[in-house]
Amino acid sequence: MTKLDIADIAGASEAPSAQVLRVYVSNRDKDGALVEDYRAWVEAFARALALIGGGATINPEAEGLWVNTDGNGVWERTTTIYSYILPDRFQKYFPGLVELMHRYGREAHQGEVFFELCGGGLTRAYRIHKFRSSAVH
């Protein structure tokens, strides 16, 4: 069987991005109240992810249920935003995304901020529960 050079056939000029970074943005806070300026948060995450991957995709909202620390269910509409990582940009721009996730957690009164990194056949899920005042630690 002949090995196909997909990049050459497609006329692609860049190396393929093998990892996806995805952030989940809820329209509700940890107590079930609507998040103020929700669309502005979604757009801020899209901009931050676009810096990492050269672009970002905002999926339509999906309905879900999150259980807060009190054991109460919070029905929410969650928007997922993702980007295929460009390795040379990841190291430079990921700290800005981290700072945004912590700011969203604090200012939007989240119980957790969830993101995942997918690639190489693995998905790693990360949950931030304690929100720093600065991304520097």
C-alpha atoms as a PDB file:
ATOM      1  CA  MET A   1       0.000   0.000   0.000  1.00  0.00           C
ATOM      2  CA  THR A   2       1.325   3.414  -0.945  1.00  0.00           C
ATOM      3  CA  LYS A   3       1.573   5.979   1.837  1.00  0.00           C
ATOM      4  CA  LEU A   4      -0.389   9.113   0.996  1.00  0.00           C
ATOM      5  CA  ASP A   5       1.066  12.520   1.768  1.00  0.00           C
ATOM      6  CA  ILE A   6      -2.199  14.177   2.748  1.00  0.00           C
ATOM      7  CA  ALA A   7      -0.591  17.602   3.261  1.00  0.00           C
ATOM      8  CA  ASP A   8       0.935  17.487  -0.206  1.00  0.00           C
ATOM      9  CA  ILE A   9      -2.272  16.291  -1.875  1.00  0.00           C
ATOM     10  CA  ALA A  10      -4.320  18.994  -0.116  1.00  0.00           C
ATOM     11  CA  GLY A  11      -1.739  21.690  -0.739  1.00  0.00           C
ATOM     12  CA  ALA A  12      -1.454  22.357   3.004  1.00  0.00           C
ATOM     13  CA  SER A  13       1.431  24.624   3.924  1.00  0.00           C
ATOM     14  CA  GLU A  14       1.605  23.952   7.668  1.00  0.00           C
ATOM     15  CA  ALA A  15       2.312  20.883   9.727  1.00  0.00           C
ATOM     16  CA  PRO A  16      -0.839  19.261  11.080  1.00  0.00           C
ATOM     17  CA  SER A  17      -2.086  20.222  14.534  1.00  0.00           C
ATOM     18  CA  ALA A  18      -2.386  17.034  16.531  1.00  0.00           C
ATOM     19  CA  GLN A  19      -3.907  18.434  19.728  1.00  0.00           C
ATOM     20  CA  VAL A  20      -7.174  20.191  20.481  1.00  0.00           C
ATOM     21  CA  LEU A  21      -7.719  22.509  23.435  1.00  0.00           C
ATOM     22  CA  ARG A  22     -11.388  22.898  24.450  1.00  0.00           C
ATOM     23  CA  VAL A  23     -12.924  25.175  27.110  1.00  0.00           C
ATOM     24  CA  TYR A  24     -16.444  24.838  28.530  1.00  0.00           C
ATOM     25  CA  VAL A  25     -18.234  28.101  29.367  1.00  0.00           C
ATOM     26  CA  SER A  26     -21.440  27.899  31.432  1.00  0.00           C
ATOM     27  CA  ASN A  27     -24.217  30.475  31.330  1.00  0.00           C
ATOM     28  CA  ARG A  28     -24.955  29.859  35.037  1.00  0.00           C
ATOM     29  CA  ASP A  29     -22.943  30.458  38.184  1.00  0.00           C
ATOM     30  CA  LYS A  30     -22.390  27.911  40.941  1.00  0.00           C
ATOM     31  CA  ASP A  31     -25.764  28.766  42.508  1.00  0.00           C
ATOM     32  CA  GLY A  32     -27.761  28.718  39.260  1.00  0.00           C
ATOM     33  CA  ALA A  33     -27.948  32.471  38.595  1.00  0.00           C
ATOM     34  CA  LEU A  34     -27.371  33.666  35.036  1.00  0.00           C
ATOM     35  CA  VAL A  35     -23.832  34.837  34.289  1.00  0.00           C
ATOM     36  CA  GLU A  36     -23.696  38.531  33.415  1.00  0.00           C
ATOM     37  CA  ASP A  37     -22.186  39.372  30.019  1.00  0.00           C
ATOM     38  CA  TYR A  38     -22.149  35.685  29.069  1.00  0.00           C
ATOM     39  CA  ARG A  39     -21.588  36.353  25.360  1.00  0.00           C
ATOM     40  CA  ALA A  40     -18.632  38.615  26.190  1.00  0.00           C
ATOM     41  CA  TRP A  41     -17.038  35.722  28.118  1.00  0.00           C
ATOM     42  CA  VAL A  42     -17.586  33.335  25.183  1.00  0.00           C
ATOM     43  CA  GLU A  43     -15.984  35.833  22.806  1.00  0.00           C
ATOM     44  CA  ALA A  44     -13.053  36.411  25.174  1.00  0.00           C
ATOM     45  CA  PHE A  45     -12.365  32.661  25.290  1.00  0.00           C
ATOM     46  CA  ALA A  46     -12.618  32.440  21.488  1.00  0.00           C
ATOM     47  CA  ARG A  47     -10.045  35.239  21.133  1.00  0.00           C
ATOM     48  CA  ALA A  48      -7.692  33.589  23.648  1.00  0.00           C
ATOM     49  CA  LEU A  49      -7.942  30.207  21.916  1.00  0.00           C
ATOM     50  CA  ALA A  50      -7.483  31.813  18.489  1.00  0.00           C
ATOM     51  CA  LEU A  51      -4.122  33.160  19.657  1.00  0.00           C
ATOM     52  CA  ILE A  52      -3.077  29.593  20.510  1.00  0.00           C
ATOM     53  CA  GLY A  53      -4.311  27.920  17.343  1.00  0.00           C
ATOM     54  CA  GLY A  54      -4.697  30.629  14.743  1.00  0.00           C
ATOM     55  CA  GLY A  55      -8.490  30.383  15.001  1.00  0.00           C
ATOM     56  CA  ALA A  56     -11.241  29.083  17.259  1.00  0.00           C
ATOM     57  CA  THR A  57     -14.620  27.438  16.811  1.00  0.00           C
ATOM     58  CA  ILE A  58     -17.620  28.190  19.027  1.00  0.00           C
ATOM     59  CA  ASN A  59     -20.057  25.282  19.188  1.00  0.00           C
ATOM     60  CA  PRO A  60     -23.780  25.871  19.758  1.00  0.00           C
ATOM     61  CA  GLU A  61     -24.907  25.798  23.366  1.00  0.00           C
ATOM     62  CA  ALA A  62     -25.748  22.419  24.872  1.00  0.00           C
ATOM     63  CA  GLU A  63     -27.938  21.802  27.890  1.00  0.00           C
ATOM     64  CA  GLY A  64     -26.387  20.048  30.842  1.00  0.00           C
ATOM     65  CA  LEU A  65     -26.523  19.462  34.563  1.00  0.00           C
ATOM     66  CA  TRP A  66     -23.683  20.289  36.935  1.00  0.00           C
ATOM     67  CA  VAL A  67     -23.721  19.293  40.623  1.00  0.00           C
ATOM     68  CA  ASN A  68     -22.325  22.033  42.869  1.00  0.00           C
ATOM     69  CA  THR A  69     -20.471  21.544  46.162  1.00  0.00           C
ATOM     70  CA  ASP A  70     -23.782  21.693  48.077  1.00  0.00           C
ATOM     71  CA  GLY A  71     -24.983  18.670  46.093  1.00  0.00           C
ATOM     72  CA  ASN A  72     -27.560  20.712  44.201  1.00  0.00           C
ATOM     73  CA  GLY A  73     -28.056  20.253  40.493  1.00  0.00           C
ATOM     74  CA  VAL A  74     -27.575  23.363  38.363  1.00  0.00           C
ATOM     75  CA  TRP A  75     -29.164  23.187  34.908  1.00  0.00           C
ATOM     76  CA  GLU A  76     -27.047  25.187  32.499  1.00  0.00           C
ATOM     77  CA  ARG A  77     -26.426  25.996  28.869  1.00  0.00           C
ATOM     78  CA  THR A  78     -22.775  25.410  28.099  1.00  0.00           C
ATOM     79  CA  THR A  79     -20.820  26.669  25.131  1.00  0.00           C
ATOM     80  CA  THR A  80     -17.686  24.796  24.126  1.00  0.00           C
ATOM     81  CA  ILE A  81     -14.951  26.634  22.287  1.00  0.00           C
ATOM     82  CA  TYR A  82     -11.975  24.843  20.791  1.00  0.00           C
ATOM     83  CA  SER A  83      -8.849  25.338  18.758  1.00  0.00           C
ATOM     84  CA  TYR A  84      -6.265  23.063  17.202  1.00  0.00           C
ATOM     85  CA  ILE A  85      -2.998  23.933  18.904  1.00  0.00           C
ATOM     86  CA  LEU A  86      -0.043  25.371  17.034  1.00  0.00           C
ATOM     87  CA  PRO A  87       2.886  24.271  19.225  1.00  0.00           C
ATOM     88  CA  ASP A  88       4.984  27.389  18.633  1.00  0.00           C
ATOM     89  CA  ARG A  89       2.100  29.585  19.840  1.00  0.00           C
ATOM     90  CA  PHE A  90       0.905  27.388  22.720  1.00  0.00           C
ATOM     91  CA  GLN A  91       3.748  28.184  25.104  1.00  0.00           C
ATOM     92  CA  LYS A  92       3.465  31.914  24.425  1.00  0.00           C
ATOM     93  CA  TYR A  93      -0.336  32.291  24.697  1.00  0.00           C
ATOM     94  CA  PHE A  94      -1.489  29.521  27.077  1.00  0.00           C
ATOM     95  CA  PRO A  95      -0.698  31.608  30.193  1.00  0.00           C
ATOM     96  CA  GLY A  96      -3.158  34.258  28.952  1.00  0.00           C
ATOM     97  CA  LEU A  97      -5.861  31.609  28.581  1.00  0.00           C
ATOM     98  CA  VAL A  98      -5.108  30.363  32.099  1.00  0.00           C
ATOM     99  CA  GLU A  99      -5.456  33.890  33.451  1.00  0.00           C
ATOM    100  CA  LEU A 100      -8.795  34.257  31.639  1.00  0.00           C
ATOM    101  CA  MET A 101     -10.096  30.946  33.061  1.00  0.00           C
ATOM    102  CA  HIS A 102      -9.242  32.046  36.595  1.00  0.00           C
ATOM    103  CA  ARG A 103     -10.798  35.494  36.045  1.00  0.00           C
ATOM    104  CA  TYR A 104     -13.972  33.882  34.640  1.00  0.00           C
ATOM    105  CA  GLY A 105     -14.086  31.563  37.658  1.00  0.00           C
ATOM    106  CA  ARG A 106     -13.838  34.493  40.079  1.00  0.00           C
ATOM    107  CA  GLU A 107     -15.948  37.113  38.320  1.00  0.00           C
ATOM    108  CA  ALA A 108     -18.669  34.785  37.032  1.00  0.00           C
ATOM    109  CA  HIS A 109     -18.855  32.969  40.416  1.00  0.00           C
ATOM    110  CA  GLN A 110     -18.141  29.530  39.001  1.00  0.00           C
ATOM    111  CA  GLY A 111     -17.807  26.390  41.100  1.00  0.00           C
ATOM    112  CA  GLU A 112     -15.296  25.083  38.590  1.00  0.00           C
ATOM    113  CA  VAL A 113     -13.872  25.901  35.199  1.00  0.00           C
ATOM    114  CA  PHE A 114     -13.421  22.867  32.969  1.00  0.00           C
ATOM    115  CA  PHE A 115     -11.115  22.441  29.996  1.00  0.00           C
ATOM    116  CA  GLU A 116      -9.680  19.504  28.118  1.00  0.00           C
ATOM    117  CA  LEU A 117      -6.663  18.740  26.002  1.00  0.00           C
ATOM    118  CA  CYS A 118      -7.103  16.038  23.360  1.00  0.00           C
ATOM    119  CA  GLY A 119      -4.446  14.464  21.207  1.00  0.00           C
ATOM    120  CA  GLY A 120      -2.396  11.373  20.589  1.00  0.00           C
ATOM    121  CA  GLY A 121      -5.374   9.153  21.392  1.00  0.00           C
ATOM    122  CA  LEU A 122      -5.788  10.652  24.880  1.00  0.00           C
ATOM    123  CA  THR A 123      -8.124  13.198  26.390  1.00  0.00           C
ATOM    124  CA  ARG A 124      -7.025  14.918  29.564  1.00  0.00           C
ATOM    125  CA  ALA A 125      -9.703  16.781  31.516  1.00  0.00           C
ATOM    126  CA  TYR A 126      -8.784  19.564  33.928  1.00  0.00           C
ATOM    127  CA  ARG A 127     -10.996  21.169  36.582  1.00  0.00           C
ATOM    128  CA  ILE A 128     -10.075  24.441  38.247  1.00  0.00           C
ATOM    129  CA  HIS A 129     -11.790  24.943  41.615  1.00  0.00           C
ATOM    130  CA  LYS A 130      -9.609  27.562  43.315  1.00  0.00           C
ATOM    131  CA  PHE A 131      -9.323  30.733  41.301  1.00  0.00           C
ATOM    132  CA  ARG A 132      -6.104  32.720  41.600  1.00  0.00           C
ATOM    133  CA  SER A 133      -6.074  36.484  41.467  1.00  0.00           C
ATOM    134  CA  SER A 134      -3.201  36.223  38.989  1.00  0.00           C
ATOM    135  CA  ALA A 135      -2.033  33.529  36.574  1.00  0.00           C
ATOM    136  CA  VAL A 136       1.481  33.782  38.012  1.00  0.00           C
ATOM    137  CA  HIS A 137       2.096  31.151  40.671  1.00  0.00           C
END
